[in-house]
Amino acid sequence: KILEIGFGMGETTAKIAALRSEDDFLAIEVH
């Protein structure tokens, strides 16, 4: 389980989640 703080528009987060399908990602953003 990997936490990301502040993902902006999410482009990087989506790419990492696709690349690392063996991990789960919880991502936080306020906007």
Full PDB file with SEQRES, HELIX, SHEET, SSBOND, CRYST1, ORIGX, SCALE, CONECT and MASTER records, all heavy atoms in Angstrom:
SEQRES   1 A   31  LYS ILE LEU GLU ILE GLY PHE GLY MET GLY GLU THR THR          
SEQRES   2 A   31  ALA LYS ILE ALA ALA LEU ARG SER GLU ASP ASP PHE LEU          
SEQRES   3 A   31  ALA ILE GLU VAL HIS                                          
HELIX    1 AA1 GLU A   11  LEU A   19  1                                   9    
SHEET    1 AA1 2 ILE A   2  ILE A   5  0                                        
SHEET    2 AA1 2 PHE A  25  ILE A  28  1                                        
CRYST1    1.000    1.000    1.000  90.00  90.00  90.00 P 1           1          
ORIGX1      1.000000  0.000000  0.000000        0.00000                         
ORIGX2      0.000000  1.000000  0.000000        0.00000                         
ORIGX3      0.000000  0.000000  1.000000        0.00000                         
SCALE1      1.000000  0.000000  0.000000        0.00000                         
SCALE2      0.000000  1.000000  0.000000        0.00000                         
SCALE3      0.000000  0.000000  1.000000        0.00000                         
ATOM      1  N   LYS A   1       0.845  -1.200   0.000  1.00  0.00           N  
ATOM      2  CA  LYS A   1       0.000   0.000   0.000  1.00  0.00           C  
ATOM      3  C   LYS A   1       0.880   1.250   0.000  1.00  0.00           C  
ATOM      4  O   LYS A   1       1.658   1.478   0.918  1.00  0.00           O  
ATOM      5  CB  LYS A   1      -0.917   0.009   1.229  1.00  0.00           C  
ATOM      6  CG  LYS A   1      -1.826  -1.225   1.334  1.00  0.00           C  
ATOM      7  CD  LYS A   1      -2.830  -1.282   0.198  1.00  0.00           C  
ATOM      8  CE  LYS A   1      -3.843  -2.408   0.370  1.00  0.00           C  
ATOM      9  NZ  LYS A   1      -3.308  -3.732   0.037  1.00  0.00           N  
ATOM     10  N   ILE A   2       0.724   2.067  -1.061  1.00  0.00           N  
ATOM     11  CA  ILE A   2       1.525   3.269  -1.251  1.00  0.00           C  
ATOM     12  C   ILE A   2       0.609   4.493  -1.184  1.00  0.00           C  
ATOM     13  O   ILE A   2      -0.435   4.533  -1.838  1.00  0.00           O  
ATOM     14  CB  ILE A   2       2.254   3.266  -2.622  1.00  0.00           C  
ATOM     15  CG1 ILE A   2       2.932   1.912  -2.880  1.00  0.00           C  
ATOM     16  CG2 ILE A   2       3.235   4.428  -2.710  1.00  0.00           C  
ATOM     17  CD1 ILE A   2       4.005   1.544  -1.897  1.00  0.00           C  
ATOM     18  N   LEU A   3       1.006   5.490  -0.400  1.00  0.00           N  
ATOM     19  CA  LEU A   3       0.241   6.735  -0.276  1.00  0.00           C  
ATOM     20  C   LEU A   3       0.911   7.836  -1.091  1.00  0.00           C  
ATOM     21  O   LEU A   3       2.131   7.990  -1.047  1.00  0.00           O  
ATOM     22  CB  LEU A   3       0.186   7.161   1.195  1.00  0.00           C  
ATOM     23  CG  LEU A   3      -0.558   8.463   1.502  1.00  0.00           C  
ATOM     24  CD1 LEU A   3      -2.060   8.255   1.381  1.00  0.00           C  
ATOM     25  CD2 LEU A   3      -0.213   8.972   2.896  1.00  0.00           C  
ATOM     26  N   GLU A   4       0.114   8.594  -1.843  1.00  0.00           N  
ATOM     27  CA  GLU A   4       0.644   9.778  -2.532  1.00  0.00           C  
ATOM     28  C   GLU A   4      -0.050  11.017  -1.986  1.00  0.00           C  
ATOM     29  O   GLU A   4      -1.285  11.059  -1.889  1.00  0.00           O  
ATOM     30  CB  GLU A   4       0.455   9.704  -4.046  1.00  0.00           C  
ATOM     31  CG  GLU A   4       1.010  10.955  -4.716  1.00  0.00           C  
ATOM     32  CD  GLU A   4       1.047  10.908  -6.228  1.00  0.00           C  
ATOM     33  OE1 GLU A   4       0.652   9.875  -6.808  1.00  0.00           O  
ATOM     34  OE2 GLU A   4       1.453  11.919  -6.840  1.00  0.00           O  
ATOM     35  N   ILE A   5       0.734  12.034  -1.652  1.00  0.00           N  
ATOM     36  CA  ILE A   5       0.208  13.287  -1.110  1.00  0.00           C  
ATOM     37  C   ILE A   5       0.308  14.380  -2.170  1.00  0.00           C  
ATOM     38  O   ILE A   5       1.398  14.725  -2.616  1.00  0.00           O  
ATOM     39  CB  ILE A   5       0.981  13.687   0.156  1.00  0.00           C  
ATOM     40  CG1 ILE A   5       0.748  12.669   1.264  1.00  0.00           C  
ATOM     41  CG2 ILE A   5       0.562  15.082   0.623  1.00  0.00           C  
ATOM     42  CD1 ILE A   5       1.560  12.907   2.519  1.00  0.00           C  
ATOM     43  N   GLY A   6      -0.843  14.914  -2.591  1.00  0.00           N  
ATOM     44  CA  GLY A   6      -0.878  16.019  -3.544  1.00  0.00           C  
ATOM     45  C   GLY A   6      -0.605  15.577  -4.960  1.00  0.00           C  
ATOM     46  O   GLY A   6       0.507  15.739  -5.458  1.00  0.00           O  
ATOM     47  N   PHE A   7      -1.610  15.011  -5.656  1.00  0.00           N  
ATOM     48  CA  PHE A   7      -1.348  14.461  -6.990  1.00  0.00           C  
ATOM     49  C   PHE A   7      -1.658  15.429  -8.131  1.00  0.00           C  
ATOM     50  O   PHE A   7      -1.519  15.078  -9.302  1.00  0.00           O  
ATOM     51  CB  PHE A   7      -2.091  13.132  -7.198  1.00  0.00           C  
ATOM     52  CG  PHE A   7      -3.593  13.193  -7.043  1.00  0.00           C  
ATOM     53  CD1 PHE A   7      -4.399  13.754  -8.017  1.00  0.00           C  
ATOM     54  CD2 PHE A   7      -4.203  12.656  -5.913  1.00  0.00           C  
ATOM     55  CE1 PHE A   7      -5.787  13.779  -7.889  1.00  0.00           C  
ATOM     56  CE2 PHE A   7      -5.591  12.664  -5.762  1.00  0.00           C  
ATOM     57  CZ  PHE A   7      -6.383  13.230  -6.746  1.00  0.00           C  
ATOM     58  N   GLY A   8      -2.067  16.664  -7.815  1.00  0.00           N  
ATOM     59  CA  GLY A   8      -2.301  17.639  -8.887  1.00  0.00           C  
ATOM     60  C   GLY A   8      -3.421  17.196  -9.803  1.00  0.00           C  
ATOM     61  O   GLY A   8      -4.544  16.933  -9.369  1.00  0.00           O  
ATOM     62  N   MET A   9      -3.111  17.074 -11.104  1.00  0.00           N  
ATOM     63  CA  MET A   9      -4.111  16.634 -12.073  1.00  0.00           C  
ATOM     64  C   MET A   9      -4.039  15.126 -12.313  1.00  0.00           C  
ATOM     65  O   MET A   9      -4.765  14.597 -13.155  1.00  0.00           O  
ATOM     66  CB  MET A   9      -3.949  17.396 -13.392  1.00  0.00           C  
ATOM     67  CG  MET A   9      -4.175  18.898 -13.262  1.00  0.00           C  
ATOM     68  SD  MET A   9      -5.786  19.339 -12.541  1.00  0.00           S  
ATOM     69  CE  MET A   9      -6.874  19.026 -13.928  1.00  0.00           C  
ATOM     70  N   GLY A  10      -3.160  14.437 -11.603  1.00  0.00           N  
ATOM     71  CA  GLY A  10      -3.197  12.979 -11.572  1.00  0.00           C  
ATOM     72  C   GLY A  10      -2.471  12.238 -12.678  1.00  0.00           C  
ATOM     73  O   GLY A  10      -2.465  11.001 -12.683  1.00  0.00           O  
ATOM     74  N   GLU A  11      -1.839  12.961 -13.600  1.00  0.00           N  
ATOM     75  CA  GLU A  11      -1.182  12.291 -14.728  1.00  0.00           C  
ATOM     76  C   GLU A  11      -0.099  11.319 -14.253  1.00  0.00           C  
ATOM     77  O   GLU A  11      -0.047  10.162 -14.664  1.00  0.00           O  
ATOM     78  CB  GLU A  11      -0.573  13.365 -15.655  1.00  0.00           C  
ATOM     79  CG  GLU A  11       0.226  12.799 -16.819  1.00  0.00           C  
ATOM     80  CD  GLU A  11       1.023  13.872 -17.563  1.00  0.00           C  
ATOM     81  OE1 GLU A  11       0.930  15.063 -17.190  1.00  0.00           O  
ATOM     82  OE2 GLU A  11       1.749  13.508 -18.488  1.00  0.00           O  
ATOM     83  N   THR A  12       0.776  11.801 -13.365  1.00  0.00           N  
ATOM     84  CA  THR A  12       1.861  10.958 -12.854  1.00  0.00           C  
ATOM     85  C   THR A  12       1.315   9.787 -12.052  1.00  0.00           C  
ATOM     86  O   THR A  12       1.768   8.644 -12.188  1.00  0.00           O  
ATOM     87  CB  THR A  12       2.817  11.797 -11.988  1.00  0.00           C  
ATOM     88  OG1 THR A  12       3.474  12.753 -12.824  1.00  0.00           O  
ATOM     89  CG2 THR A  12       3.864  10.934 -11.302  1.00  0.00           C  
ATOM     90  N   THR A  13       0.335  10.053 -11.210  1.00  0.00           N  
ATOM     91  CA  THR A  13      -0.251   9.022 -10.360  1.00  0.00           C  
ATOM     92  C   THR A  13      -0.833   7.885 -11.187  1.00  0.00           C  
ATOM     93  O   THR A  13      -0.615   6.705 -10.879  1.00  0.00           O  
ATOM     94  CB  THR A  13      -1.353   9.636  -9.479  1.00  0.00           C  
ATOM     95  OG1 THR A  13      -0.841  10.806  -8.847  1.00  0.00           O  
ATOM     96  CG2 THR A  13      -1.832   8.662  -8.423  1.00  0.00           C  
ATOM     97  N   ALA A  14      -1.568   8.222 -12.237  1.00  0.00           N  
ATOM     98  CA  ALA A  14      -2.174   7.204 -13.092  1.00  0.00           C  
ATOM     99  C   ALA A  14      -1.102   6.367 -13.795  1.00  0.00           C  
ATOM    100  O   ALA A  14      -1.229   5.139 -13.902  1.00  0.00           O  
ATOM    101  CB  ALA A  14      -3.086   7.867 -14.123  1.00  0.00           C  
ATOM    102  N   LYS A  15      -0.036   7.020 -14.248  1.00  0.00           N  
ATOM    103  CA  LYS A  15       1.037   6.284 -14.937  1.00  0.00           C  
ATOM    104  C   LYS A  15       1.748   5.325 -13.985  1.00  0.00           C  
ATOM    105  O   LYS A  15       2.078   4.198 -14.362  1.00  0.00           O  
ATOM    106  CB  LYS A  15       2.033   7.274 -15.552  1.00  0.00           C  
ATOM    107  CG  LYS A  15       1.503   7.980 -16.792  1.00  0.00           C  
ATOM    108  CD  LYS A  15       2.536   8.938 -17.373  1.00  0.00           C  
ATOM    109  CE  LYS A  15       2.008   9.604 -18.631  1.00  0.00           C  
ATOM    110  NZ  LYS A  15       2.985  10.600 -19.178  1.00  0.00           N  
ATOM    111  N   ILE A  16       2.007   5.785 -12.762  1.00  0.00           N  
ATOM    112  CA  ILE A  16       2.682   4.919 -11.791  1.00  0.00           C  
ATOM    113  C   ILE A  16       1.789   3.733 -11.422  1.00  0.00           C  
ATOM    114  O   ILE A  16       2.251   2.591 -11.336  1.00  0.00           O  
ATOM    115  CB  ILE A  16       3.082   5.710 -10.534  1.00  0.00           C  
ATOM    116  CG1 ILE A  16       4.167   6.739 -10.874  1.00  0.00           C  
ATOM    117  CG2 ILE A  16       3.589   4.772  -9.438  1.00  0.00           C  
ATOM    118  CD1 ILE A  16       4.550   7.658  -9.722  1.00  0.00           C  
ATOM    119  N   ALA A  17       0.501   3.995 -11.210  1.00  0.00           N  
ATOM    120  CA  ALA A  17      -0.427   2.915 -10.861  1.00  0.00           C  
ATOM    121  C   ALA A  17      -0.513   1.884 -11.987  1.00  0.00           C  
ATOM    122  O   ALA A  17      -0.602   0.673 -11.731  1.00  0.00           O  
ATOM    123  CB  ALA A  17      -1.807   3.486 -10.555  1.00  0.00           C  
ATOM    124  N   ALA A  18      -0.478   2.355 -13.242  1.00  0.00           N  
ATOM    125  CA  ALA A  18      -0.518   1.429 -14.387  1.00  0.00           C  
ATOM    126  C   ALA A  18       0.779   0.628 -14.480  1.00  0.00           C  
ATOM    127  O   ALA A  18       0.763  -0.582 -14.741  1.00  0.00           O  
ATOM    128  CB  ALA A  18      -0.759   2.204 -15.671  1.00  0.00           C  
ATOM    129  N   LEU A  19       1.903   1.288 -14.235  1.00  0.00           N  
ATOM    130  CA  LEU A  19       3.214   0.633 -14.332  1.00  0.00           C  
ATOM    131  C   LEU A  19       3.418  -0.368 -13.192  1.00  0.00           C  
ATOM    132  O   LEU A  19       3.974  -1.450 -13.386  1.00  0.00           O  
ATOM    133  CB  LEU A  19       4.321   1.692 -14.302  1.00  0.00           C  
ATOM    134  CG  LEU A  19       5.756   1.202 -14.430  1.00  0.00           C  
ATOM    135  CD1 LEU A  19       6.006   0.634 -15.824  1.00  0.00           C  
ATOM    136  CD2 LEU A  19       6.736   2.349 -14.158  1.00  0.00           C  
ATOM    137  N   ARG A  20       2.934  -0.008 -12.006  1.00  0.00           N  
ATOM    138  CA  ARG A  20       3.141  -0.851 -10.826  1.00  0.00           C  
ATOM    139  C   ARG A  20       1.816  -1.510 -10.421  1.00  0.00           C  
ATOM    140  O   ARG A  20       1.275  -1.277  -9.350  1.00  0.00           O  
ATOM    141  CB  ARG A  20       3.720  -0.016  -9.685  1.00  0.00           C  
ATOM    142  CG  ARG A  20       5.152   0.426  -9.962  1.00  0.00           C  
ATOM    143  CD  ARG A  20       5.698   1.385  -8.922  1.00  0.00           C  
ATOM    144  NE  ARG A  20       5.553   0.916  -7.547  1.00  0.00           N  
ATOM    145  CZ  ARG A  20       6.035   1.558  -6.484  1.00  0.00           C  
ATOM    146  NH1 ARG A  20       6.713   2.687  -6.639  1.00  0.00           N  
ATOM    147  NH2 ARG A  20       5.859   1.079  -5.272  1.00  0.00           N  
ATOM    148  N   SER A  21       1.330  -2.353 -11.286  1.00  0.00           N  
ATOM    149  CA  SER A  21       0.040  -3.011 -11.034  1.00  0.00           C  
ATOM    150  C   SER A  21       0.101  -3.978  -9.858  1.00  0.00           C  
ATOM    151  O   SER A  21      -0.937  -4.400  -9.345  1.00  0.00           O  
ATOM    152  CB  SER A  21      -0.419  -3.754 -12.298  1.00  0.00           C  
ATOM    153  OG  SER A  21       0.560  -4.721 -12.685  1.00  0.00           O  
ATOM    154  N   GLU A  22       1.324  -4.309  -9.405  1.00  0.00           N  
ATOM    155  CA  GLU A  22       1.473  -5.212  -8.261  1.00  0.00           C  
ATOM    156  C   GLU A  22       1.303  -4.494  -6.936  1.00  0.00           C  
ATOM    157  O   GLU A  22       1.335  -5.118  -5.864  1.00  0.00           O  
ATOM    158  CB  GLU A  22       2.848  -5.897  -8.303  1.00  0.00           C  
ATOM    159  CG  GLU A  22       4.031  -5.020  -7.963  1.00  0.00           C  
ATOM    160  CD  GLU A  22       4.506  -4.103  -9.093  1.00  0.00           C  
ATOM    161  OE1 GLU A  22       3.857  -4.064 -10.153  1.00  0.00           O  
ATOM    162  OE2 GLU A  22       5.543  -3.429  -8.900  1.00  0.00           O  
ATOM    163  N   ASP A  23       1.110  -3.158  -6.967  1.00  0.00           N  
ATOM    164  CA  ASP A  23       0.920  -2.360  -5.752  1.00  0.00           C  
ATOM    165  C   ASP A  23      -0.426  -1.646  -5.781  1.00  0.00           C  
ATOM    166  O   ASP A  23      -0.990  -1.394  -6.845  1.00  0.00           O  
ATOM    167  CB  ASP A  23       2.030  -1.306  -5.617  1.00  0.00           C  
ATOM    168  CG  ASP A  23       3.410  -1.921  -5.444  1.00  0.00           C  
ATOM    169  OD1 ASP A  23       3.511  -2.998  -4.829  1.00  0.00           O  
ATOM    170  OD2 ASP A  23       4.391  -1.331  -5.938  1.00  0.00           O  
ATOM    171  N   ASP A  24      -0.929  -1.280  -4.580  1.00  0.00           N  
ATOM    172  CA  ASP A  24      -2.140  -0.475  -4.456  1.00  0.00           C  
ATOM    173  C   ASP A  24      -1.756   0.948  -4.059  1.00  0.00           C  
ATOM    174  O   ASP A  24      -0.857   1.140  -3.243  1.00  0.00           O  
ATOM    175  CB  ASP A  24      -3.067  -1.054  -3.371  1.00  0.00           C  
ATOM    176  CG  ASP A  24      -3.714  -2.361  -3.794  1.00  0.00           C  
ATOM    177  OD1 ASP A  24      -3.980  -2.536  -4.997  1.00  0.00           O  
ATOM    178  OD2 ASP A  24      -3.962  -3.210  -2.904  1.00  0.00           O  
ATOM    179  N   PHE A  25      -2.476   1.944  -4.597  1.00  0.00           N  
ATOM    180  CA  PHE A  25      -2.143   3.347  -4.366  1.00  0.00           C  
ATOM    181  C   PHE A  25      -3.349   4.109  -3.813  1.00  0.00           C  
ATOM    182  O   PHE A  25      -4.441   4.067  -4.379  1.00  0.00           O  
ATOM    183  CB  PHE A  25      -1.669   4.009  -5.672  1.00  0.00           C  
ATOM    184  CG  PHE A  25      -0.375   3.442  -6.173  1.00  0.00           C  
ATOM    185  CD1 PHE A  25      -0.360   2.327  -6.996  1.00  0.00           C  
ATOM    186  CD2 PHE A  25       0.836   4.008  -5.803  1.00  0.00           C  
ATOM    187  CE1 PHE A  25       0.835   1.788  -7.440  1.00  0.00           C  
ATOM    188  CE2 PHE A  25       2.041   3.483  -6.238  1.00  0.00           C  
ATOM    189  CZ  PHE A  25       2.043   2.364  -7.052  1.00  0.00           C  
ATOM    190  N   LEU A  26      -3.112   4.813  -2.714  1.00  0.00           N  
ATOM    191  CA  LEU A  26      -4.102   5.714  -2.123  1.00  0.00           C  
ATOM    192  C   LEU A  26      -3.575   7.128  -2.320  1.00  0.00           C  
ATOM    193  O   LEU A  26      -2.500   7.468  -1.824  1.00  0.00           O  
ATOM    194  CB  LEU A  26      -4.280   5.409  -0.643  1.00  0.00           C  
ATOM    195  CG  LEU A  26      -5.256   6.311   0.131  1.00  0.00           C  
ATOM    196  CD1 LEU A  26      -6.672   6.163  -0.411  1.00  0.00           C  
ATOM    197  CD2 LEU A  26      -5.217   5.982   1.627  1.00  0.00           C  
ATOM    198  N   ALA A  27      -4.301   7.958  -3.073  1.00  0.00           N  
ATOM    199  CA  ALA A  27      -3.805   9.277  -3.462  1.00  0.00           C  
ATOM    200  C   ALA A  27      -4.703  10.378  -2.904  1.00  0.00           C  
ATOM    201  O   ALA A  27      -5.926  10.275  -2.966  1.00  0.00           O  
ATOM    202  CB  ALA A  27      -3.726   9.381  -4.985  1.00  0.00           C  
ATOM    203  N   ILE A  28      -4.067  11.428  -2.369  1.00  0.00           N  
ATOM    204  CA  ILE A  28      -4.797  12.506  -1.695  1.00  0.00           C  
ATOM    205  C   ILE A  28      -4.619  13.821  -2.451  1.00  0.00           C  
ATOM    206  O   ILE A  28      -3.504  14.193  -2.826  1.00  0.00           O  
ATOM    207  CB  ILE A  28      -4.294  12.689  -0.250  1.00  0.00           C  
ATOM    208  CG1 ILE A  28      -4.368  11.375   0.529  1.00  0.00           C  
ATOM    209  CG2 ILE A  28      -5.096  13.768   0.471  1.00  0.00           C  
ATOM    210  CD1 ILE A  28      -3.693  11.446   1.888  1.00  0.00           C  
ATOM    211  N   GLU A  29      -5.707  14.536  -2.643  1.00  0.00           N  
ATOM    212  CA  GLU A  29      -5.691  15.861  -3.281  1.00  0.00           C  
ATOM    213  C   GLU A  29      -6.933  16.610  -2.817  1.00  0.00           C  
ATOM    214  O   GLU A  29      -7.985  15.991  -2.615  1.00  0.00           O  
ATOM    215  CB  GLU A  29      -5.671  15.715  -4.802  1.00  0.00           C  
ATOM    216  CG  GLU A  29      -5.728  17.012  -5.597  1.00  0.00           C  
ATOM    217  CD  GLU A  29      -4.558  17.948  -5.284  1.00  0.00           C  
ATOM    218  OE1 GLU A  29      -3.404  17.559  -5.500  1.00  0.00           O  
ATOM    219  OE2 GLU A  29      -4.835  19.057  -4.808  1.00  0.00           O  
ATOM    220  N   VAL A  30      -6.829  17.931  -2.638  1.00  0.00           N  
ATOM    221  CA  VAL A  30      -7.988  18.689  -2.165  1.00  0.00           C  
ATOM    222  C   VAL A  30      -8.787  19.346  -3.287  1.00  0.00           C  
ATOM    223  O   VAL A  30      -9.947  19.682  -3.101  1.00  0.00           O  
ATOM    224  CB  VAL A  30      -7.564  19.796  -1.156  1.00  0.00           C  
ATOM    225  CG1 VAL A  30      -7.015  19.173   0.105  1.00  0.00           C  
ATOM    226  CG2 VAL A  30      -6.568  20.758  -1.771  1.00  0.00           C  
ATOM    227  N   HIS A  31      -8.197  19.530  -4.456  1.00  0.00           N  
ATOM    228  CA  HIS A  31      -8.835  20.334  -5.499  1.00  0.00           C  
ATOM    229  C   HIS A  31      -9.727  19.490  -6.404  1.00  0.00           C  
ATOM    230  O   HIS A  31      -9.260  18.535  -7.037  1.00  0.00           O  
ATOM    231  CB  HIS A  31      -7.776  21.056  -6.315  1.00  0.00           C  
ATOM    232  CG  HIS A  31      -6.925  21.960  -5.472  1.00  0.00           C  
ATOM    233  ND1 HIS A  31      -7.394  23.142  -4.941  1.00  0.00           N  
ATOM    234  CD2 HIS A  31      -5.660  21.827  -5.014  1.00  0.00           C  
ATOM    235  CE1 HIS A  31      -6.448  23.700  -4.216  1.00  0.00           C  
ATOM    236  NE2 HIS A  31      -5.391  22.927  -4.236  1.00  0.00           N  
TER     237      HIS A  31                                                      
MASTER        0    0    0    1    2    0    0    6  236    1    0    3          
END                                                                             
